N, C-alpha and C. Protein backbone atom coordinates (compact mmCIF):
# COMPACT_ATOMS: atom_id res chain seq x y z
N MET A 1 -14.16 -23.82 -25.92
CA MET A 1 -13.65 -23.79 -24.55
C MET A 1 -12.28 -23.14 -24.54
N ALA A 2 -12.02 -22.34 -23.53
CA ALA A 2 -10.75 -21.63 -23.43
C ALA A 2 -9.62 -22.59 -23.08
N VAL A 3 -8.45 -22.27 -23.58
CA VAL A 3 -7.27 -23.07 -23.27
C VAL A 3 -6.79 -22.64 -21.89
N GLU A 4 -6.57 -23.62 -21.02
CA GLU A 4 -6.14 -23.30 -19.67
C GLU A 4 -4.64 -23.07 -19.63
N LYS A 5 -4.23 -22.16 -18.77
CA LYS A 5 -2.83 -21.79 -18.62
C LYS A 5 -2.07 -22.90 -17.91
N SER A 6 -0.83 -23.12 -18.35
CA SER A 6 0.05 -24.06 -17.66
C SER A 6 0.73 -23.32 -16.51
N TYR A 7 0.87 -24.01 -15.40
CA TYR A 7 1.52 -23.44 -14.22
C TYR A 7 2.80 -24.20 -13.96
N TYR A 8 3.94 -23.55 -14.19
CA TYR A 8 5.22 -24.17 -13.95
C TYR A 8 5.53 -24.09 -12.47
N MET A 9 5.94 -25.23 -11.91
CA MET A 9 6.25 -25.26 -10.48
C MET A 9 7.14 -26.45 -10.17
N THR A 10 7.77 -26.36 -9.02
CA THR A 10 8.58 -27.47 -8.55
C THR A 10 7.66 -28.49 -7.89
N GLU A 11 8.16 -29.65 -7.64
CA GLU A 11 7.39 -30.68 -6.93
C GLU A 11 7.00 -30.15 -5.55
N GLU A 12 7.91 -29.42 -4.92
CA GLU A 12 7.67 -28.82 -3.61
C GLU A 12 6.52 -27.80 -3.69
N GLY A 13 6.50 -27.00 -4.75
CA GLY A 13 5.43 -26.03 -4.95
C GLY A 13 4.08 -26.69 -5.14
N LYS A 14 4.06 -27.79 -5.89
CA LYS A 14 2.81 -28.52 -6.11
C LYS A 14 2.30 -29.11 -4.79
N LYS A 15 3.20 -29.64 -4.00
CA LYS A 15 2.83 -30.22 -2.70
C LYS A 15 2.23 -29.14 -1.79
N LYS A 16 2.83 -27.95 -1.84
CA LYS A 16 2.33 -26.83 -1.04
C LYS A 16 0.89 -26.48 -1.45
N LEU A 17 0.64 -26.46 -2.76
CA LEU A 17 -0.72 -26.19 -3.25
C LEU A 17 -1.69 -27.28 -2.84
N GLU A 18 -1.26 -28.53 -2.91
CA GLU A 18 -2.12 -29.64 -2.50
C GLU A 18 -2.47 -29.53 -1.02
N ASP A 19 -1.50 -29.14 -0.19
CA ASP A 19 -1.75 -28.95 1.24
C ASP A 19 -2.74 -27.80 1.47
N GLU A 20 -2.55 -26.69 0.71
CA GLU A 20 -3.47 -25.56 0.84
C GLU A 20 -4.89 -25.97 0.44
N LEU A 21 -5.01 -26.73 -0.63
CA LEU A 21 -6.32 -27.18 -1.10
C LEU A 21 -7.00 -28.04 -0.03
N GLU A 22 -6.27 -28.94 0.55
CA GLU A 22 -6.82 -29.80 1.61
C GLU A 22 -7.31 -28.95 2.78
N PHE A 23 -6.50 -27.95 3.19
CA PHE A 23 -6.89 -27.06 4.28
C PHE A 23 -8.16 -26.27 3.93
N LEU A 24 -8.20 -25.74 2.70
CA LEU A 24 -9.36 -24.95 2.28
C LEU A 24 -10.63 -25.79 2.25
N LYS A 25 -10.53 -27.01 1.73
CA LYS A 25 -11.71 -27.86 1.58
C LYS A 25 -12.21 -28.42 2.91
N THR A 26 -11.33 -28.62 3.85
CA THR A 26 -11.76 -29.21 5.12
C THR A 26 -11.94 -28.13 6.18
N ASP A 27 -10.87 -27.59 6.69
CA ASP A 27 -10.93 -26.66 7.83
C ASP A 27 -11.58 -25.33 7.47
N ARG A 28 -11.05 -24.65 6.48
CA ARG A 28 -11.50 -23.29 6.16
C ARG A 28 -12.96 -23.25 5.73
N ARG A 29 -13.34 -24.15 4.86
CA ARG A 29 -14.73 -24.20 4.37
C ARG A 29 -15.68 -24.39 5.55
N GLN A 30 -15.33 -25.28 6.48
CA GLN A 30 -16.18 -25.56 7.65
C GLN A 30 -16.26 -24.34 8.56
N GLU A 31 -15.13 -23.61 8.73
CA GLU A 31 -15.14 -22.40 9.56
C GLU A 31 -16.12 -21.37 8.99
N VAL A 32 -16.11 -21.20 7.69
CA VAL A 32 -16.98 -20.22 7.05
C VAL A 32 -18.44 -20.63 7.19
N VAL A 33 -18.74 -21.90 7.04
CA VAL A 33 -20.12 -22.38 7.20
C VAL A 33 -20.61 -22.08 8.63
N GLU A 34 -19.75 -22.29 9.61
CA GLU A 34 -20.11 -21.99 11.00
C GLU A 34 -20.37 -20.51 11.19
N ARG A 35 -19.55 -19.66 10.58
CA ARG A 35 -19.76 -18.20 10.69
C ARG A 35 -21.09 -17.80 10.07
N ILE A 36 -21.45 -18.43 8.96
CA ILE A 36 -22.73 -18.12 8.31
C ILE A 36 -23.89 -18.53 9.22
N LYS A 37 -23.77 -19.72 9.82
CA LYS A 37 -24.83 -20.19 10.74
C LYS A 37 -25.02 -19.22 11.90
N ILE A 38 -23.91 -18.80 12.49
CA ILE A 38 -23.98 -17.87 13.63
C ILE A 38 -24.58 -16.54 13.20
N ALA A 39 -24.12 -16.03 12.06
CA ALA A 39 -24.60 -14.73 11.58
C ALA A 39 -26.08 -14.79 11.22
N ARG A 40 -26.54 -15.91 10.72
CA ARG A 40 -27.95 -16.09 10.35
C ARG A 40 -28.85 -15.95 11.58
N ASP A 41 -28.32 -16.37 12.74
CA ASP A 41 -29.10 -16.30 13.99
C ASP A 41 -29.27 -14.87 14.50
N PHE A 42 -28.53 -13.90 13.92
CA PHE A 42 -28.63 -12.52 14.38
C PHE A 42 -29.89 -11.83 13.90
N GLY A 43 -30.63 -12.47 13.02
CA GLY A 43 -31.91 -11.89 12.61
C GLY A 43 -31.94 -11.50 11.15
N ASP A 44 -32.61 -10.39 10.88
CA ASP A 44 -32.88 -9.89 9.53
C ASP A 44 -31.61 -9.90 8.66
N LEU A 45 -31.61 -10.75 7.63
CA LEU A 45 -30.43 -10.90 6.78
C LEU A 45 -30.17 -9.69 5.89
N SER A 46 -31.21 -8.89 5.63
CA SER A 46 -31.02 -7.74 4.73
C SER A 46 -30.18 -6.65 5.38
N GLU A 47 -30.09 -6.62 6.69
CA GLU A 47 -29.29 -5.61 7.38
C GLU A 47 -28.24 -6.26 8.29
N ASN A 48 -27.80 -7.43 7.93
CA ASN A 48 -26.88 -8.18 8.78
C ASN A 48 -25.49 -8.16 8.16
N SER A 49 -24.63 -7.29 8.67
CA SER A 49 -23.28 -7.15 8.09
C SER A 49 -22.42 -8.38 8.36
N GLU A 50 -22.64 -9.05 9.48
CA GLU A 50 -21.87 -10.26 9.78
C GLU A 50 -22.18 -11.35 8.75
N TYR A 51 -23.46 -11.44 8.41
CA TYR A 51 -23.88 -12.43 7.41
C TYR A 51 -23.27 -12.10 6.05
N ASP A 52 -23.34 -10.82 5.66
CA ASP A 52 -22.75 -10.40 4.38
C ASP A 52 -21.25 -10.69 4.33
N ALA A 53 -20.56 -10.39 5.42
CA ALA A 53 -19.11 -10.63 5.47
C ALA A 53 -18.80 -12.12 5.38
N ALA A 54 -19.59 -12.94 6.05
CA ALA A 54 -19.37 -14.39 6.01
C ALA A 54 -19.64 -14.94 4.61
N LYS A 55 -20.69 -14.44 3.96
CA LYS A 55 -20.99 -14.88 2.58
C LYS A 55 -19.87 -14.44 1.62
N ASP A 56 -19.34 -13.23 1.82
CA ASP A 56 -18.21 -12.76 0.99
C ASP A 56 -16.99 -13.65 1.19
N GLU A 57 -16.75 -14.02 2.45
CA GLU A 57 -15.62 -14.90 2.75
C GLU A 57 -15.82 -16.27 2.13
N GLN A 58 -17.06 -16.76 2.16
CA GLN A 58 -17.36 -18.04 1.54
C GLN A 58 -17.07 -17.98 0.03
N ALA A 59 -17.47 -16.90 -0.61
CA ALA A 59 -17.20 -16.74 -2.05
C ALA A 59 -15.70 -16.71 -2.32
N PHE A 60 -14.96 -16.03 -1.45
CA PHE A 60 -13.51 -15.98 -1.62
C PHE A 60 -12.89 -17.37 -1.48
N VAL A 61 -13.29 -18.11 -0.46
CA VAL A 61 -12.74 -19.45 -0.23
C VAL A 61 -13.07 -20.37 -1.41
N GLU A 62 -14.30 -20.33 -1.89
CA GLU A 62 -14.68 -21.18 -3.02
C GLU A 62 -13.92 -20.79 -4.29
N SER A 63 -13.71 -19.51 -4.48
CA SER A 63 -12.94 -19.04 -5.63
C SER A 63 -11.49 -19.51 -5.54
N ARG A 64 -10.92 -19.43 -4.35
CA ARG A 64 -9.53 -19.88 -4.16
C ARG A 64 -9.43 -21.39 -4.38
N ILE A 65 -10.41 -22.15 -3.92
CA ILE A 65 -10.42 -23.60 -4.14
C ILE A 65 -10.40 -23.89 -5.64
N ALA A 66 -11.25 -23.21 -6.39
CA ALA A 66 -11.29 -23.42 -7.84
C ALA A 66 -9.96 -23.05 -8.49
N GLN A 67 -9.36 -21.95 -8.03
CA GLN A 67 -8.08 -21.51 -8.59
C GLN A 67 -6.98 -22.53 -8.29
N VAL A 68 -6.90 -23.00 -7.07
CA VAL A 68 -5.85 -23.96 -6.69
C VAL A 68 -6.05 -25.28 -7.42
N GLU A 69 -7.31 -25.72 -7.56
CA GLU A 69 -7.58 -26.95 -8.31
C GLU A 69 -7.12 -26.81 -9.75
N SER A 70 -7.36 -25.67 -10.35
CA SER A 70 -6.93 -25.43 -11.73
C SER A 70 -5.40 -25.43 -11.83
N MET A 71 -4.74 -24.82 -10.86
CA MET A 71 -3.28 -24.78 -10.87
C MET A 71 -2.68 -26.18 -10.74
N ILE A 72 -3.27 -26.99 -9.88
CA ILE A 72 -2.77 -28.36 -9.71
C ILE A 72 -3.04 -29.18 -10.97
N ARG A 73 -4.24 -29.04 -11.51
CA ARG A 73 -4.62 -29.78 -12.72
C ARG A 73 -3.72 -29.44 -13.91
N ASN A 74 -3.29 -28.18 -13.99
CA ASN A 74 -2.47 -27.72 -15.12
C ASN A 74 -1.01 -27.53 -14.75
N ALA A 75 -0.59 -28.19 -13.69
CA ALA A 75 0.80 -28.06 -13.23
C ALA A 75 1.76 -28.73 -14.22
N VAL A 76 2.85 -28.04 -14.48
CA VAL A 76 3.95 -28.60 -15.25
C VAL A 76 5.14 -28.59 -14.30
N ILE A 77 5.57 -29.77 -13.91
CA ILE A 77 6.65 -29.89 -12.93
C ILE A 77 7.99 -29.55 -13.59
N ILE A 78 8.72 -28.67 -12.92
CA ILE A 78 10.04 -28.26 -13.39
C ILE A 78 11.03 -29.38 -13.06
N GLU A 79 11.64 -29.94 -14.07
CA GLU A 79 12.65 -30.97 -13.88
C GLU A 79 14.03 -30.33 -13.87
N ASP A 80 14.96 -30.93 -13.17
CA ASP A 80 16.33 -30.44 -13.20
C ASP A 80 16.89 -30.62 -14.60
N ASP A 81 17.34 -29.51 -15.17
CA ASP A 81 17.91 -29.52 -16.52
C ASP A 81 19.42 -29.61 -16.40
N ASN A 82 19.94 -30.81 -16.43
CA ASN A 82 21.38 -31.00 -16.29
C ASN A 82 22.09 -31.04 -17.63
N SER A 83 21.34 -30.77 -18.73
CA SER A 83 21.97 -30.81 -20.05
C SER A 83 23.04 -29.74 -20.17
N ASN A 84 22.83 -28.58 -19.57
CA ASN A 84 23.85 -27.55 -19.55
C ASN A 84 23.76 -26.84 -18.20
N PRO A 85 24.54 -27.31 -17.22
CA PRO A 85 24.42 -26.79 -15.87
C PRO A 85 24.85 -25.33 -15.70
N ASP A 86 25.52 -24.76 -16.71
CA ASP A 86 26.01 -23.39 -16.58
C ASP A 86 25.08 -22.37 -17.22
N ILE A 87 23.93 -22.80 -17.74
CA ILE A 87 22.99 -21.90 -18.39
C ILE A 87 21.77 -21.72 -17.49
N VAL A 88 21.33 -20.47 -17.36
CA VAL A 88 20.18 -20.14 -16.53
C VAL A 88 18.91 -20.71 -17.17
N SER A 89 18.14 -21.45 -16.38
CA SER A 89 16.87 -21.98 -16.85
C SER A 89 15.92 -22.13 -15.66
N LEU A 90 14.69 -22.46 -15.96
CA LEU A 90 13.66 -22.63 -14.95
C LEU A 90 14.10 -23.68 -13.93
N GLY A 91 13.97 -23.36 -12.66
CA GLY A 91 14.32 -24.29 -11.60
C GLY A 91 15.72 -24.09 -11.03
N LYS A 92 16.53 -23.29 -11.70
CA LYS A 92 17.91 -23.09 -11.23
C LYS A 92 18.02 -21.83 -10.38
N SER A 93 19.06 -21.83 -9.54
CA SER A 93 19.38 -20.65 -8.74
C SER A 93 20.46 -19.86 -9.46
N VAL A 94 20.33 -18.54 -9.42
CA VAL A 94 21.25 -17.66 -10.12
C VAL A 94 21.76 -16.61 -9.15
N THR A 95 23.06 -16.42 -9.12
CA THR A 95 23.66 -15.37 -8.32
C THR A 95 24.18 -14.31 -9.28
N PHE A 96 23.83 -13.06 -9.03
CA PHE A 96 24.28 -11.97 -9.89
C PHE A 96 24.52 -10.72 -9.06
N ILE A 97 25.22 -9.76 -9.67
CA ILE A 97 25.42 -8.47 -9.04
C ILE A 97 24.91 -7.40 -10.00
N GLU A 98 24.35 -6.36 -9.41
CA GLU A 98 23.90 -5.23 -10.21
C GLU A 98 25.12 -4.38 -10.53
N MET A 99 25.28 -4.04 -11.79
CA MET A 99 26.45 -3.27 -12.22
C MET A 99 26.22 -1.79 -11.95
N PRO A 100 27.21 -1.00 -11.69
CA PRO A 100 28.62 -1.36 -11.63
C PRO A 100 29.07 -1.85 -10.25
N ASP A 101 28.34 -1.50 -9.18
CA ASP A 101 28.84 -1.85 -7.85
C ASP A 101 27.72 -2.28 -6.90
N GLY A 102 26.80 -3.06 -7.40
CA GLY A 102 25.67 -3.49 -6.58
C GLY A 102 25.99 -4.66 -5.68
N ASP A 103 25.02 -5.00 -4.86
CA ASP A 103 25.16 -6.15 -3.96
C ASP A 103 24.93 -7.44 -4.72
N GLU A 104 25.48 -8.49 -4.18
CA GLU A 104 25.27 -9.82 -4.75
C GLU A 104 23.91 -10.34 -4.30
N GLU A 105 23.14 -10.86 -5.23
CA GLU A 105 21.81 -11.40 -4.93
C GLU A 105 21.68 -12.78 -5.55
N THR A 106 20.94 -13.66 -4.88
CA THR A 106 20.69 -15.00 -5.41
C THR A 106 19.19 -15.25 -5.41
N TYR A 107 18.70 -15.72 -6.56
CA TYR A 107 17.29 -16.06 -6.71
C TYR A 107 17.16 -17.39 -7.42
N ARG A 108 16.08 -18.07 -7.12
CA ARG A 108 15.74 -19.30 -7.84
C ARG A 108 14.61 -18.95 -8.80
N ILE A 109 14.72 -19.38 -10.04
CA ILE A 109 13.69 -19.09 -11.02
C ILE A 109 12.65 -20.21 -10.98
N VAL A 110 11.41 -19.81 -10.65
CA VAL A 110 10.32 -20.77 -10.51
C VAL A 110 9.13 -20.27 -11.32
N GLY A 111 8.09 -21.07 -11.39
CA GLY A 111 6.87 -20.65 -12.06
C GLY A 111 6.15 -19.59 -11.25
N SER A 112 5.23 -18.88 -11.90
CA SER A 112 4.53 -17.79 -11.24
C SER A 112 3.70 -18.25 -10.04
N ALA A 113 3.28 -19.51 -10.04
CA ALA A 113 2.45 -20.03 -8.95
C ALA A 113 3.18 -20.07 -7.62
N GLU A 114 4.49 -20.19 -7.64
CA GLU A 114 5.21 -20.29 -6.37
C GLU A 114 6.24 -19.19 -6.18
N ALA A 115 6.18 -18.15 -7.00
CA ALA A 115 7.12 -17.04 -6.87
C ALA A 115 6.93 -16.32 -5.55
N ASP A 116 8.02 -15.99 -4.90
CA ASP A 116 8.01 -15.23 -3.65
C ASP A 116 9.39 -14.59 -3.49
N PRO A 117 9.54 -13.35 -3.92
CA PRO A 117 10.86 -12.70 -3.86
C PRO A 117 11.45 -12.66 -2.45
N PHE A 118 10.59 -12.61 -1.43
CA PHE A 118 11.09 -12.58 -0.06
C PHE A 118 11.72 -13.90 0.35
N GLU A 119 11.38 -14.98 -0.36
CA GLU A 119 12.00 -16.28 -0.13
C GLU A 119 13.06 -16.59 -1.17
N GLY A 120 13.40 -15.59 -1.99
CA GLY A 120 14.43 -15.78 -3.01
C GLY A 120 13.94 -16.54 -4.23
N LYS A 121 12.64 -16.48 -4.52
CA LYS A 121 12.07 -17.18 -5.68
C LYS A 121 11.41 -16.14 -6.59
N ILE A 122 11.89 -16.05 -7.85
CA ILE A 122 11.29 -15.11 -8.79
C ILE A 122 10.60 -15.88 -9.92
N SER A 123 9.54 -15.28 -10.42
CA SER A 123 8.75 -15.90 -11.47
C SER A 123 9.50 -15.90 -12.80
N ASN A 124 9.31 -16.97 -13.56
CA ASN A 124 9.91 -17.03 -14.89
C ASN A 124 9.29 -15.98 -15.82
N ASP A 125 8.17 -15.39 -15.42
CA ASP A 125 7.52 -14.34 -16.19
C ASP A 125 8.03 -12.95 -15.84
N SER A 126 8.84 -12.83 -14.80
CA SER A 126 9.33 -11.52 -14.38
C SER A 126 10.36 -10.98 -15.37
N PRO A 127 10.49 -9.66 -15.46
CA PRO A 127 11.49 -9.08 -16.37
C PRO A 127 12.91 -9.57 -16.09
N MET A 128 13.24 -9.74 -14.81
CA MET A 128 14.58 -10.21 -14.45
C MET A 128 14.82 -11.61 -15.01
N ALA A 129 13.90 -12.52 -14.75
CA ALA A 129 14.06 -13.90 -15.22
C ALA A 129 14.06 -13.96 -16.74
N GLN A 130 13.15 -13.22 -17.36
CA GLN A 130 13.08 -13.21 -18.82
C GLN A 130 14.42 -12.79 -19.43
N ALA A 131 15.07 -11.82 -18.77
CA ALA A 131 16.33 -11.30 -19.31
C ALA A 131 17.50 -12.28 -19.12
N ILE A 132 17.51 -13.03 -18.02
CA ILE A 132 18.68 -13.87 -17.74
C ILE A 132 18.54 -15.33 -18.16
N ILE A 133 17.32 -15.78 -18.45
CA ILE A 133 17.16 -17.17 -18.90
C ILE A 133 17.91 -17.35 -20.21
N GLY A 134 18.69 -18.41 -20.28
CA GLY A 134 19.48 -18.70 -21.47
C GLY A 134 20.88 -18.13 -21.43
N LYS A 135 21.17 -17.32 -20.42
CA LYS A 135 22.50 -16.73 -20.27
C LYS A 135 23.33 -17.60 -19.32
N GLY A 136 24.62 -17.29 -19.22
CA GLY A 136 25.49 -18.09 -18.38
C GLY A 136 26.34 -17.24 -17.46
N ALA A 137 27.09 -17.91 -16.59
CA ALA A 137 27.99 -17.22 -15.67
C ALA A 137 28.98 -16.37 -16.45
N GLY A 138 29.18 -15.14 -15.97
CA GLY A 138 30.08 -14.22 -16.63
C GLY A 138 29.38 -13.27 -17.59
N ASP A 139 28.16 -13.60 -18.00
CA ASP A 139 27.42 -12.74 -18.92
C ASP A 139 26.93 -11.49 -18.21
N VAL A 140 26.98 -10.36 -18.91
CA VAL A 140 26.40 -9.12 -18.44
C VAL A 140 25.11 -8.93 -19.23
N VAL A 141 24.01 -8.73 -18.50
CA VAL A 141 22.68 -8.71 -19.11
C VAL A 141 21.98 -7.40 -18.78
N ASN A 142 21.32 -6.83 -19.78
CA ASN A 142 20.51 -5.63 -19.60
C ASN A 142 19.09 -6.07 -19.22
N VAL A 143 18.59 -5.55 -18.09
CA VAL A 143 17.28 -5.94 -17.58
C VAL A 143 16.36 -4.73 -17.56
N PRO A 144 15.26 -4.77 -18.32
CA PRO A 144 14.33 -3.64 -18.28
C PRO A 144 13.50 -3.66 -16.99
N THR A 145 13.43 -2.52 -16.32
CA THR A 145 12.63 -2.41 -15.11
C THR A 145 11.77 -1.15 -15.23
N PRO A 146 10.73 -1.03 -14.42
CA PRO A 146 9.88 0.17 -14.48
C PRO A 146 10.67 1.46 -14.20
N GLY A 147 11.72 1.35 -13.40
CA GLY A 147 12.53 2.52 -13.06
C GLY A 147 13.66 2.76 -14.03
N GLY A 148 13.72 2.02 -15.10
CA GLY A 148 14.81 2.15 -16.07
C GLY A 148 15.62 0.87 -16.14
N ASP A 149 16.35 0.73 -17.21
CA ASP A 149 17.14 -0.49 -17.41
C ASP A 149 18.30 -0.56 -16.42
N ILE A 150 18.61 -1.80 -16.00
CA ILE A 150 19.78 -2.03 -15.15
C ILE A 150 20.61 -3.12 -15.81
N GLU A 151 21.88 -3.14 -15.47
CA GLU A 151 22.77 -4.20 -15.95
C GLU A 151 23.14 -5.08 -14.78
N VAL A 152 23.11 -6.38 -15.02
CA VAL A 152 23.54 -7.33 -14.00
C VAL A 152 24.58 -8.26 -14.60
N LYS A 153 25.47 -8.69 -13.76
CA LYS A 153 26.49 -9.66 -14.18
C LYS A 153 26.19 -10.97 -13.44
N ILE A 154 26.02 -12.03 -14.22
CA ILE A 154 25.72 -13.33 -13.63
C ILE A 154 27.03 -13.91 -13.09
N ILE A 155 27.03 -14.23 -11.83
CA ILE A 155 28.21 -14.76 -11.15
C ILE A 155 28.21 -16.28 -11.14
N LYS A 156 27.04 -16.86 -10.82
CA LYS A 156 26.98 -18.32 -10.64
C LYS A 156 25.60 -18.84 -10.98
N VAL A 157 25.57 -20.01 -11.59
CA VAL A 157 24.31 -20.71 -11.91
C VAL A 157 24.39 -22.08 -11.25
N GLN A 158 23.38 -22.45 -10.50
CA GLN A 158 23.39 -23.76 -9.85
C GLN A 158 22.02 -24.37 -9.78
């Protein structure tokens, strides 16, 4: 049997997944079943695009349910690491500037399951997080990116 991947997340991220799972299993699953029933009434299923689309949607919903269940089952909750509050680690927010004269940016390092750069959350698997984890305020870090390496200076860890 294959070893299942661990999903690092905050308690808030796990709660969000549990809410999504509940929605998928109750509301969404029922909506898709209704669409299939309606599409089935249109007649010949071999040429019924509405039926095909509803069945595809059902497969997607069931796949997402299985994925979310696996993520919850293999969740590793990120605890606050107060052993060294000045070192970048999973669950902490980091403020840095791109060298030599970039803008100041702040991101929270979270597990891949809840990463959302638009909400200021980057995955611990991202090149940026990989480069700055273990570093501290004042450190200048080289970060490999697809467009070439950049240097960032860590301003604050919280």
